[in-house]
């Protein structure tokens, strides 16, 4: 799978690894060659160790890429206002209340 940038590739690799799917990120150092080499050849890529896990990997990537709807929430410890996709406060690290 081709990714838009290295941060996206690293995040999606972490999602897959957390689910037990072994993978690697390739083309991590080619961004400086864009222009000399076509973007499609330089873009970071996710490669699975086991092709039989492709369907499950695509499901996980789709789930991780969808927007999370819901109201903002306020940290009970420090009062920081946070977006719904965060499970913990970015400022103090307190977990979101259930």
PDB file of N, CA and C in Angstrom:
ATOM      1  N   UNK A   1       0.847  -1.171   0.000  1.00  0.00           N
ATOM      2  CA  UNK A   1       0.000   0.000   0.000  1.00  0.00           C
ATOM      3  C   UNK A   1       0.890   1.230   0.000  1.00  0.00           C
ATOM      4  N   UNK A   2       0.608   2.159  -0.892  1.00  0.00           N
ATOM      5  CA  UNK A   2       1.334   3.414  -0.959  1.00  0.00           C
ATOM      6  C   UNK A   2       0.696   4.410   0.003  1.00  0.00           C
ATOM      7  N   UNK A   3       1.507   5.160   0.729  1.00  0.00           N
ATOM      8  CA  UNK A   3       1.033   6.153   1.691  1.00  0.00           C
ATOM      9  C   UNK A   3       1.378   7.548   1.211  1.00  0.00           C
ATOM     10  N   UNK A   4       0.655   8.542   1.707  1.00  0.00           N
ATOM     11  CA  UNK A   4       0.888   9.923   1.307  1.00  0.00           C
ATOM     12  C   UNK A   4       2.182  10.493   1.878  1.00  0.00           C
ATOM     13  N   UNK A   5       2.553  10.047   3.073  1.00  0.00           N
ATOM     14  CA  UNK A   5       3.758  10.561   3.723  1.00  0.00           C
ATOM     15  C   UNK A   5       4.231   9.559   4.776  1.00  0.00           C
ATOM     16  N   UNK A   6       5.435   9.772   5.269  1.00  0.00           N
ATOM     17  CA  UNK A   6       6.051   8.826   6.192  1.00  0.00           C
ATOM     18  C   UNK A   6       5.291   8.704   7.512  1.00  0.00           C
ATOM     19  N   UNK A   7       4.748   9.798   8.004  1.00  0.00           N
ATOM     20  CA  UNK A   7       3.989   9.745   9.260  1.00  0.00           C
ATOM     21  C   UNK A   7       2.770   8.834   9.123  1.00  0.00           C
ATOM     22  N   UNK A   8       2.072   8.942   8.010  1.00  0.00           N
ATOM     23  CA  UNK A   8       0.916   8.074   7.766  1.00  0.00           C
ATOM     24  C   UNK A   8       1.352   6.613   7.699  1.00  0.00           C
ATOM     25  N   UNK A   9       2.450   6.348   7.007  1.00  0.00           N
ATOM     26  CA  UNK A   9       2.942   4.976   6.881  1.00  0.00           C
ATOM     27  C   UNK A   9       3.308   4.396   8.249  1.00  0.00           C
ATOM     28  N   UNK A  10       3.977   5.192   9.072  1.00  0.00           N
ATOM     29  CA  UNK A  10       4.369   4.724  10.401  1.00  0.00           C
ATOM     30  C   UNK A  10       3.148   4.459  11.277  1.00  0.00           C
ATOM     31  N   UNK A  11       2.158   5.349  11.211  1.00  0.00           N
ATOM     32  CA  UNK A  11       0.938   5.157  12.002  1.00  0.00           C
ATOM     33  C   UNK A  11       0.206   3.885  11.586  1.00  0.00           C
ATOM     34  N   UNK A  12       0.032   3.698  10.288  1.00  0.00           N
ATOM     35  CA  UNK A  12      -0.692   2.520   9.823  1.00  0.00           C
ATOM     36  C   UNK A  12       0.085   1.236  10.123  1.00  0.00           C
ATOM     37  N   UNK A  13       1.409   1.294  10.057  1.00  0.00           N
ATOM     38  CA  UNK A  13       2.214   0.127  10.429  1.00  0.00           C
ATOM     39  C   UNK A  13       1.994  -0.207  11.903  1.00  0.00           C
ATOM     40  N   UNK A  14       1.921   0.810  12.751  1.00  0.00           N
ATOM     41  CA  UNK A  14       1.656   0.579  14.178  1.00  0.00           C
ATOM     42  C   UNK A  14       0.286  -0.042  14.391  1.00  0.00           C
ATOM     43  N   UNK A  15      -0.720   0.407  13.644  1.00  0.00           N
ATOM     44  CA  UNK A  15      -2.072  -0.159  13.736  1.00  0.00           C
ATOM     45  C   UNK A  15      -2.029  -1.648  13.395  1.00  0.00           C
ATOM     46  N   UNK A  16      -1.355  -1.982  12.302  1.00  0.00           N
ATOM     47  CA  UNK A  16      -1.285  -3.383  11.880  1.00  0.00           C
ATOM     48  C   UNK A  16      -0.501  -4.231  12.878  1.00  0.00           C
ATOM     49  N   UNK A  17       0.611  -3.719  13.347  1.00  0.00           N
ATOM     50  CA  UNK A  17       1.426  -4.477  14.310  1.00  0.00           C
ATOM     51  C   UNK A  17       0.680  -4.711  15.615  1.00  0.00           C
ATOM     52  N   UNK A  18      -0.107  -3.721  16.047  1.00  0.00           N
ATOM     53  CA  UNK A  18      -0.893  -3.882  17.275  1.00  0.00           C
ATOM     54  C   UNK A  18      -1.924  -4.994  17.122  1.00  0.00           C
ATOM     55  N   UNK A  19      -2.345  -5.260  15.890  1.00  0.00           N
ATOM     56  CA  UNK A  19      -3.304  -6.328  15.621  1.00  0.00           C
ATOM     57  C   UNK A  19      -2.602  -7.656  15.314  1.00  0.00           C
ATOM     58  N   UNK A  20      -1.288  -7.678  15.428  1.00  0.00           N
ATOM     59  CA  UNK A  20      -0.545  -8.912  15.200  1.00  0.00           C
ATOM     60  C   UNK A  20      -0.179  -9.166  13.749  1.00  0.00           C
ATOM     61  N   UNK A  21      -0.317  -8.162  12.906  1.00  0.00           N
ATOM     62  CA  UNK A  21       0.028  -8.310  11.491  1.00  0.00           C
ATOM     63  C   UNK A  21       1.438  -7.763  11.287  1.00  0.00           C
ATOM     64  N   UNK A  22       2.343  -8.622  10.871  1.00  0.00           N
ATOM     65  CA  UNK A  22       3.730  -8.210  10.647  1.00  0.00           C
ATOM     66  C   UNK A  22       3.845  -7.475   9.320  1.00  0.00           C
ATOM     67  N   UNK A  23       4.515  -6.323   9.364  1.00  0.00           N
ATOM     68  CA  UNK A  23       4.669  -5.512   8.169  1.00  0.00           C
ATOM     69  C   UNK A  23       5.937  -4.679   8.273  1.00  0.00           C
ATOM     70  N   UNK A  24       6.288  -4.035   7.179  1.00  0.00           N
ATOM     71  CA  UNK A  24       7.424  -3.127   7.185  1.00  0.00           C
ATOM     72  C   UNK A  24       7.098  -1.914   6.329  1.00  0.00           C
ATOM     73  N   UNK A  25       7.741  -0.808   6.656  1.00  0.00           N
ATOM     74  CA  UNK A  25       7.600   0.422   5.877  1.00  0.00           C
ATOM     75  C   UNK A  25       8.821   0.520   4.975  1.00  0.00           C
ATOM     76  N   UNK A  26       8.580   0.688   3.688  1.00  0.00           N
ATOM     77  CA  UNK A  26       9.660   0.831   2.712  1.00  0.00           C
ATOM     78  C   UNK A  26       9.635   2.232   2.106  1.00  0.00           C
ATOM     79  N   UNK A  27      10.714   2.590   1.458  1.00  0.00           N
ATOM     80  CA  UNK A  27      10.897   3.903   0.820  1.00  0.00           C
ATOM     81  C   UNK A  27      10.882   5.023   1.858  1.00  0.00           C
ATOM     82  N   UNK A  28      11.549   4.817   2.964  1.00  0.00           N
ATOM     83  CA  UNK A  28      11.545   5.818   4.035  1.00  0.00           C
ATOM     84  C   UNK A  28      12.512   6.968   3.780  1.00  0.00           C
ATOM     85  N   UNK A  29      13.446   6.801   2.887  1.00  0.00           N
ATOM     86  CA  UNK A  29      14.451   7.844   2.673  1.00  0.00           C
ATOM     87  C   UNK A  29      14.456   8.402   1.255  1.00  0.00           C
ATOM     88  N   UNK A  30      13.388   8.181   0.502  1.00  0.00           N
ATOM     89  CA  UNK A  30      13.384   8.621  -0.896  1.00  0.00           C
ATOM     90  C   UNK A  30      12.692   9.959  -1.131  1.00  0.00           C
ATOM     91  N   UNK A  31      12.168  10.588  -0.098  1.00  0.00           N
ATOM     92  CA  UNK A  31      11.425  11.841  -0.312  1.00  0.00           C
ATOM     93  C   UNK A  31      12.298  12.928  -0.934  1.00  0.00           C
ATOM     94  N   UNK A  32      13.580  12.927  -0.665  1.00  0.00           N
ATOM     95  CA  UNK A  32      14.477  13.918  -1.251  1.00  0.00           C
ATOM     96  C   UNK A  32      14.689  13.732  -2.742  1.00  0.00           C
ATOM     97  N   UNK A  33      14.310  12.588  -3.263  1.00  0.00           N
ATOM     98  CA  UNK A  33      14.491  12.311  -4.689  1.00  0.00           C
ATOM     99  C   UNK A  33      13.252  12.636  -5.523  1.00  0.00           C
ATOM    100  N   UNK A  34      12.186  13.093  -4.876  1.00  0.00           N
ATOM    101  CA  UNK A  34      10.968  13.431  -5.625  1.00  0.00           C
ATOM    102  C   UNK A  34      11.309  14.533  -6.619  1.00  0.00           C
ATOM    103  N   UNK A  35      10.933  14.334  -7.835  1.00  0.00           N
ATOM    104  CA  UNK A  35      11.262  15.256  -8.918  1.00  0.00           C
ATOM    105  C   UNK A  35      12.236  14.586  -9.865  1.00  0.00           C
ATOM    106  N   UNK A  36      13.293  14.032  -9.293  1.00  0.00           N
ATOM    107  CA  UNK A  36      14.239  13.248 -10.085  1.00  0.00           C
ATOM    108  C   UNK A  36      13.647  11.867 -10.363  1.00  0.00           C
ATOM    109  N   UNK A  37      12.933  11.362  -9.380  1.00  0.00           N
ATOM    110  CA  UNK A  37      12.242  10.077  -9.476  1.00  0.00           C
ATOM    111  C   UNK A  37      10.759  10.382  -9.285  1.00  0.00           C
ATOM    112  N   UNK A  38       9.865   9.762 -10.041  1.00  0.00           N
ATOM    113  CA  UNK A  38       8.426  10.045  -9.889  1.00  0.00           C
ATOM    114  C   UNK A  38       7.937   9.812  -8.456  1.00  0.00           C
ATOM    115  N   UNK A  39       6.979  10.646  -8.029  1.00  0.00           N
ATOM    116  CA  UNK A  39       6.441  10.562  -6.671  1.00  0.00           C
ATOM    117  C   UNK A  39       5.965   9.157  -6.347  1.00  0.00           C
ATOM    118  N   UNK A  40       5.287   8.533  -7.282  1.00  0.00           N
ATOM    119  CA  UNK A  40       4.741   7.193  -7.028  1.00  0.00           C
ATOM    120  C   UNK A  40       5.834   6.186  -6.687  1.00  0.00           C
ATOM    121  N   UNK A  41       7.045   6.420  -7.152  1.00  0.00           N
ATOM    122  CA  UNK A  41       8.157   5.519  -6.851  1.00  0.00           C
ATOM    123  C   UNK A  41       8.853   5.881  -5.546  1.00  0.00           C
ATOM    124  N   UNK A  42       8.661   7.123  -5.077  1.00  0.00           N
ATOM    125  CA  UNK A  42       9.331   7.606  -3.861  1.00  0.00           C
ATOM    126  C   UNK A  42       8.452   7.516  -2.619  1.00  0.00           C
ATOM    127  N   UNK A  43       7.154   7.407  -2.795  1.00  0.00           N
ATOM    128  CA  UNK A  43       6.222   7.436  -1.667  1.00  0.00           C
ATOM    129  C   UNK A  43       6.468   6.263  -0.720  1.00  0.00           C
ATOM    130  N   UNK A  44       6.312   6.487   0.591  1.00  0.00           N
ATOM    131  CA  UNK A  44       6.445   5.383   1.548  1.00  0.00           C
ATOM    132  C   UNK A  44       5.406   4.300   1.254  1.00  0.00           C
ATOM    133  N   UNK A  45       5.789   3.062   1.490  1.00  0.00           N
ATOM    134  CA  UNK A  45       4.897   1.934   1.228  1.00  0.00           C
ATOM    135  C   UNK A  45       4.862   0.999   2.422  1.00  0.00           C
ATOM    136  N   UNK A  46       3.686   0.400   2.638  1.00  0.00           N
ATOM    137  CA  UNK A  46       3.517  -0.648   3.649  1.00  0.00           C
ATOM    138  C   UNK A  46       3.541  -1.995   2.939  1.00  0.00           C
ATOM    139  N   UNK A  47       4.379  -2.880   3.422  1.00  0.00           N
ATOM    140  CA  UNK A  47       4.474  -4.235   2.872  1.00  0.00           C
ATOM    141  C   UNK A  47       4.154  -5.224   3.981  1.00  0.00           C
ATOM    142  N   UNK A  48       3.280  -6.169   3.678  1.00  0.00           N
ATOM    143  CA  UNK A  48       2.922  -7.217   4.640  1.00  0.00           C
ATOM    144  C   UNK A  48       3.881  -8.391   4.517  1.00  0.00           C
ATOM    145  N   UNK A  49       4.203  -9.010   5.648  1.00  0.00           N
ATOM    146  CA  UNK A  49       5.035 -10.213   5.630  1.00  0.00           C
ATOM    147  C   UNK A  49       4.251 -11.406   5.081  1.00  0.00           C
ATOM    148  N   UNK A  50       2.931 -11.409   5.316  1.00  0.00           N
ATOM    149  CA  UNK A  50       2.092 -12.523   4.886  1.00  0.00           C
ATOM    150  C   UNK A  50       0.940 -11.983   4.040  1.00  0.00           C
ATOM    151  N   UNK A  51       0.983 -12.263   2.760  1.00  0.00           N
ATOM    152  CA  UNK A  51      -0.032 -11.762   1.830  1.00  0.00           C
ATOM    153  C   UNK A  51      -1.449 -12.247   2.201  1.00  0.00           C
ATOM    154  N   UNK A  52      -1.560 -13.359   2.894  1.00  0.00           N
ATOM    155  CA  UNK A  52      -2.861 -13.881   3.286  1.00  0.00           C
ATOM    156  C   UNK A  52      -3.573 -12.970   4.292  1.00  0.00           C
ATOM    157  N   UNK A  53      -2.840 -12.024   4.889  1.00  0.00           N
ATOM    158  CA  UNK A  53      -3.423 -11.097   5.852  1.00  0.00           C
ATOM    159  C   UNK A  53      -3.866  -9.778   5.210  1.00  0.00           C
ATOM    160  N   UNK A  54      -3.796  -9.710   3.893  1.00  0.00           N
ATOM    161  CA  UNK A  54      -4.115  -8.460   3.200  1.00  0.00           C
ATOM    162  C   UNK A  54      -5.543  -7.981   3.460  1.00  0.00           C
ATOM    163  N   UNK A  55      -6.506  -8.855   3.398  1.00  0.00           N
ATOM    164  CA  UNK A  55      -7.898  -8.466   3.610  1.00  0.00           C
ATOM    165  C   UNK A  55      -8.098  -7.878   5.003  1.00  0.00           C
ATOM    166  N   UNK A  56      -7.582  -8.542   6.007  1.00  0.00           N
ATOM    167  CA  UNK A  56      -7.689  -8.057   7.394  1.00  0.00           C
ATOM    168  C   UNK A  56      -6.942  -6.731   7.555  1.00  0.00           C
ATOM    169  N   UNK A  57      -5.777  -6.615   6.939  1.00  0.00           N
ATOM    170  CA  UNK A  57      -4.997  -5.377   7.018  1.00  0.00           C
ATOM    171  C   UNK A  57      -5.764  -4.213   6.395  1.00  0.00           C
ATOM    172  N   UNK A  58      -6.398  -4.449   5.264  1.00  0.00           N
ATOM    173  CA  UNK A  58      -7.179  -3.384   4.622  1.00  0.00           C
ATOM    174  C   UNK A  58      -8.360  -2.950   5.499  1.00  0.00           C
ATOM    175  N   UNK A  59      -9.001  -3.900   6.165  1.00  0.00           N
ATOM    176  CA  UNK A  59     -10.094  -3.570   7.087  1.00  0.00           C
ATOM    177  C   UNK A  59      -9.592  -2.686   8.231  1.00  0.00           C
ATOM    178  N   UNK A  60      -8.465  -3.057   8.806  1.00  0.00           N
ATOM    179  CA  UNK A  60      -7.899  -2.293   9.918  1.00  0.00           C
ATOM    180  C   UNK A  60      -7.484  -0.892   9.478  1.00  0.00           C
ATOM    181  N   UNK A  61      -6.891  -0.787   8.300  1.00  0.00           N
ATOM    182  CA  UNK A  61      -6.479   0.519   7.775  1.00  0.00           C
ATOM    183  C   UNK A  61      -7.699   1.386   7.506  1.00  0.00           C
ATOM    184  N   UNK A  62      -8.741   0.799   6.946  1.00  0.00           N
ATOM    185  CA  UNK A  62      -9.982   1.552   6.695  1.00  0.00           C
ATOM    186  C   UNK A  62     -10.564   2.065   8.006  1.00  0.00           C
ATOM    187  N   UNK A  63     -10.612   1.208   9.011  1.00  0.00           N
ATOM    188  CA  UNK A  63     -11.158   1.589  10.313  1.00  0.00           C
ATOM    189  C   UNK A  63     -10.323   2.694  10.958  1.00  0.00           C
ATOM    190  N   UNK A  64      -9.005   2.585  10.859  1.00  0.00           N
ATOM    191  CA  UNK A  64      -8.116   3.584  11.466  1.00  0.00           C
ATOM    192  C   UNK A  64      -8.158   4.916  10.726  1.00  0.00           C
ATOM    193  N   UNK A  65      -8.586   4.905   9.480  1.00  0.00           N
ATOM    194  CA  UNK A  65      -8.582   6.119   8.660  1.00  0.00           C
ATOM    195  C   UNK A  65      -9.892   6.893   8.687  1.00  0.00           C
ATOM    196  N   UNK A  66     -10.933   6.295   9.235  1.00  0.00           N
ATOM    197  CA  UNK A  66     -12.225   6.988   9.226  1.00  0.00           C
ATOM    198  C   UNK A  66     -12.284   8.042  10.331  1.00  0.00           C
ATOM    199  N   UNK A  67     -13.002   9.084  10.064  1.00  0.00           N
ATOM    200  CA  UNK A  67     -13.153  10.166  11.046  1.00  0.00           C
ATOM    201  C   UNK A  67     -14.022   9.701  12.218  1.00  0.00           C
ATOM    202  N   UNK A  68     -13.698  10.186  13.398  1.00  0.00           N
ATOM    203  CA  UNK A  68     -14.474   9.847  14.595  1.00  0.00           C
ATOM    204  C   UNK A  68     -15.401  11.012  14.904  1.00  0.00           C
ATOM    205  N   UNK A  69     -16.686  10.725  14.924  1.00  0.00           N
ATOM    206  CA  UNK A  69     -17.679  11.750  15.232  1.00  0.00           C
ATOM    207  C   UNK A  69     -17.949  11.770  16.728  1.00  0.00           C
ATOM    208  N   UNK A  70     -18.404  12.889  17.187  1.00  0.00           N
ATOM    209  CA  UNK A  70     -18.779  13.001  18.584  1.00  0.00           C
ATOM    210  C   UNK A  70     -18.402  14.361  19.134  1.00  0.00           C
ATOM    211  N   UNK A  71     -18.843  14.620  20.324  1.00  0.00           N
ATOM    212  CA  UNK A  71     -18.561  15.926  20.929  1.00  0.00           C
ATOM    213  C   UNK A  71     -17.145  15.983  21.507  1.00  0.00           C
ATOM    214  N   UNK A  72     -16.646  17.187  21.627  1.00  0.00           N
ATOM    215  CA  UNK A  72     -15.383  17.396  22.346  1.00  0.00           C
ATOM    216  C   UNK A  72     -15.603  16.987  23.794  1.00  0.00           C
ATOM    217  N   UNK A  73     -14.535  16.666  24.497  1.00  0.00           N
ATOM    218  CA  UNK A  73     -14.647  16.310  25.905  1.00  0.00           C
ATOM    219  C   UNK A  73     -13.621  17.096  26.703  1.00  0.00           C
ATOM    220  N   UNK A  74     -13.882  17.206  27.985  1.00  0.00           N
ATOM    221  CA  UNK A  74     -13.010  17.983  28.857  1.00  0.00           C
ATOM    222  C   UNK A  74     -12.322  17.062  29.850  1.00  0.00           C
ATOM    223  N   UNK A  75     -11.014  17.221  29.989  1.00  0.00           N
ATOM    224  CA  UNK A  75     -10.230  16.420  30.921  1.00  0.00           C
ATOM    225  C   UNK A  75     -10.661  16.738  32.351  1.00  0.00           C
ATOM    226  N   UNK A  76     -10.926  15.689  33.116  1.00  0.00           N
ATOM    227  CA  UNK A  76     -11.358  15.871  34.501  1.00  0.00           C
ATOM    228  C   UNK A  76     -10.235  16.340  35.410  1.00  0.00           C
ATOM    229  N   UNK A  77      -8.995  16.128  35.003  1.00  0.00           N
ATOM    230  CA  UNK A  77      -7.860  16.508  35.842  1.00  0.00           C
ATOM    231  C   UNK A  77      -7.400  17.954  35.606  1.00  0.00           C
ATOM    232  N   UNK A  78      -7.156  18.308  34.318  1.00  0.00           N
ATOM    233  CA  UNK A  78      -6.584  19.629  34.052  1.00  0.00           C
ATOM    234  C   UNK A  78      -7.551  20.587  33.365  1.00  0.00           C
ATOM    235  N   UNK A  79      -8.702  20.074  32.912  1.00  0.00           N
ATOM    236  CA  UNK A  79      -9.707  20.929  32.285  1.00  0.00           C
ATOM    237  C   UNK A  79      -9.498  21.202  30.805  1.00  0.00           C
ATOM    238  N   UNK A  80      -8.495  20.571  30.195  1.00  0.00           N
ATOM    239  CA  UNK A  80      -8.221  20.778  28.767  1.00  0.00           C
ATOM    240  C   UNK A  80      -9.398  20.287  27.924  1.00  0.00           C
ATOM    241  N   UNK A  81      -9.742  21.033  26.871  1.00  0.00           N
ATOM    242  CA  UNK A  81     -10.793  20.650  25.933  1.00  0.00           C
ATOM    243  C   UNK A  81     -10.158  19.840  24.807  1.00  0.00           C
ATOM    244  N   UNK A  82     -10.708  18.643  24.542  1.00  0.00           N
ATOM    245  CA  UNK A  82     -10.102  17.726  23.575  1.00  0.00           C
ATOM    246  C   UNK A  82     -11.104  17.256  22.532  1.00  0.00           C
ATOM    247  N   UNK A  83     -10.580  16.906  21.358  1.00  0.00           N
ATOM    248  CA  UNK A  83     -11.410  16.382  20.278  1.00  0.00           C
ATOM    249  C   UNK A  83     -11.792  14.929  20.573  1.00  0.00           C
ATOM    250  N   UNK A  84     -12.878  14.439  19.958  1.00  0.00           N
ATOM    251  CA  UNK A  84     -13.418  13.121  20.315  1.00  0.00           C
ATOM    252  C   UNK A  84     -12.497  11.939  20.030  1.00  0.00           C
ATOM    253  N   UNK A  85     -11.550  12.069  19.107  1.00  0.00           N
ATOM    254  CA  UNK A  85     -10.701  10.929  18.772  1.00  0.00           C
ATOM    255  C   UNK A  85      -9.640  10.620  19.825  1.00  0.00           C
ATOM    256  N   UNK A  86      -9.427  11.518  20.772  1.00  0.00           N
ATOM    257  CA  UNK A  86      -8.403  11.292  21.780  1.00  0.00           C
ATOM    258  C   UNK A  86      -8.954  10.498  22.961  1.00  0.00           C
ATOM    259  N   UNK A  87      -8.233   9.458  23.348  1.00  0.00           N
ATOM    260  CA  UNK A  87      -8.624   8.628  24.484  1.00  0.00           C
ATOM    261  C   UNK A  87      -7.961   9.047  25.774  1.00  0.00           C
ATOM    262  N   UNK A  88      -7.017   9.975  25.657  1.00  0.00           N
ATOM    263  CA  UNK A  88      -6.319  10.505  26.827  1.00  0.00           C
ATOM    264  C   UNK A  88      -5.989  11.971  26.567  1.00  0.00           C
ATOM    265  N   UNK A  89      -5.842  12.714  27.621  1.00  0.00           N
ATOM    266  CA  UNK A  89      -5.527  14.134  27.521  1.00  0.00           C
ATOM    267  C   UNK A  89      -4.102  14.309  27.001  1.00  0.00           C
ATOM    268  N   UNK A  90      -3.930  15.126  25.985  1.00  0.00           N
ATOM    269  CA  UNK A  90      -2.599  15.342  25.431  1.00  0.00           C
ATOM    270  C   UNK A  90      -1.747  16.192  26.372  1.00  0.00           C
ATOM    271  N   UNK A  91      -2.389  16.947  27.242  1.00  0.00           N
ATOM    272  CA  UNK A  91      -1.640  17.842  28.118  1.00  0.00           C
ATOM    273  C   UNK A  91      -1.130  17.143  29.381  1.00  0.00           C
ATOM    274  N   UNK A  92      -1.995  16.347  30.045  1.00  0.00           N
ATOM    275  CA  UNK A  92      -1.580  15.741  31.319  1.00  0.00           C
ATOM    276  C   UNK A  92      -1.545  14.215  31.287  1.00  0.00           C
ATOM    277  N   UNK A  93      -2.084  13.609  30.220  1.00  0.00           N
ATOM    278  CA  UNK A  93      -2.016  12.154  30.077  1.00  0.00           C
ATOM    279  C   UNK A  93      -3.138  11.383  30.755  1.00  0.00           C
ATOM    280  N   UNK A  94      -4.088  12.090  31.362  1.00  0.00           N
ATOM    281  CA  UNK A  94      -5.196  11.418  32.051  1.00  0.00           C
ATOM    282  C   UNK A  94      -6.115  10.751  31.026  1.00  0.00           C
ATOM    283  N   UNK A  95      -6.497   9.503  31.300  1.00  0.00           N
ATOM    284  CA  UNK A  95      -7.396   8.774  30.402  1.00  0.00           C
ATOM    285  C   UNK A  95      -8.782   9.399  30.409  1.00  0.00           C
ATOM    286  N   UNK A  96      -9.432   9.331  29.267  1.00  0.00           N
ATOM    287  CA  UNK A  96     -10.791   9.835  29.133  1.00  0.00           C
ATOM    288  C   UNK A  96     -11.729   9.011  30.004  1.00  0.00           C
ATOM    289  N   UNK A  97     -12.626   9.689  30.691  1.00  0.00           N
ATOM    290  CA  UNK A  97     -13.609   8.992  31.528  1.00  0.00           C
ATOM    291  C   UNK A  97     -14.578   8.216  30.650  1.00  0.00           C
ATOM    292  N   UNK A  98     -15.017   7.068  31.125  1.00  0.00           N
ATOM    293  CA  UNK A  98     -15.925   6.218  30.348  1.00  0.00           C
ATOM    294  C   UNK A  98     -17.283   6.838  30.155  1.00  0.00           C
TER     295      UNK A  98
END
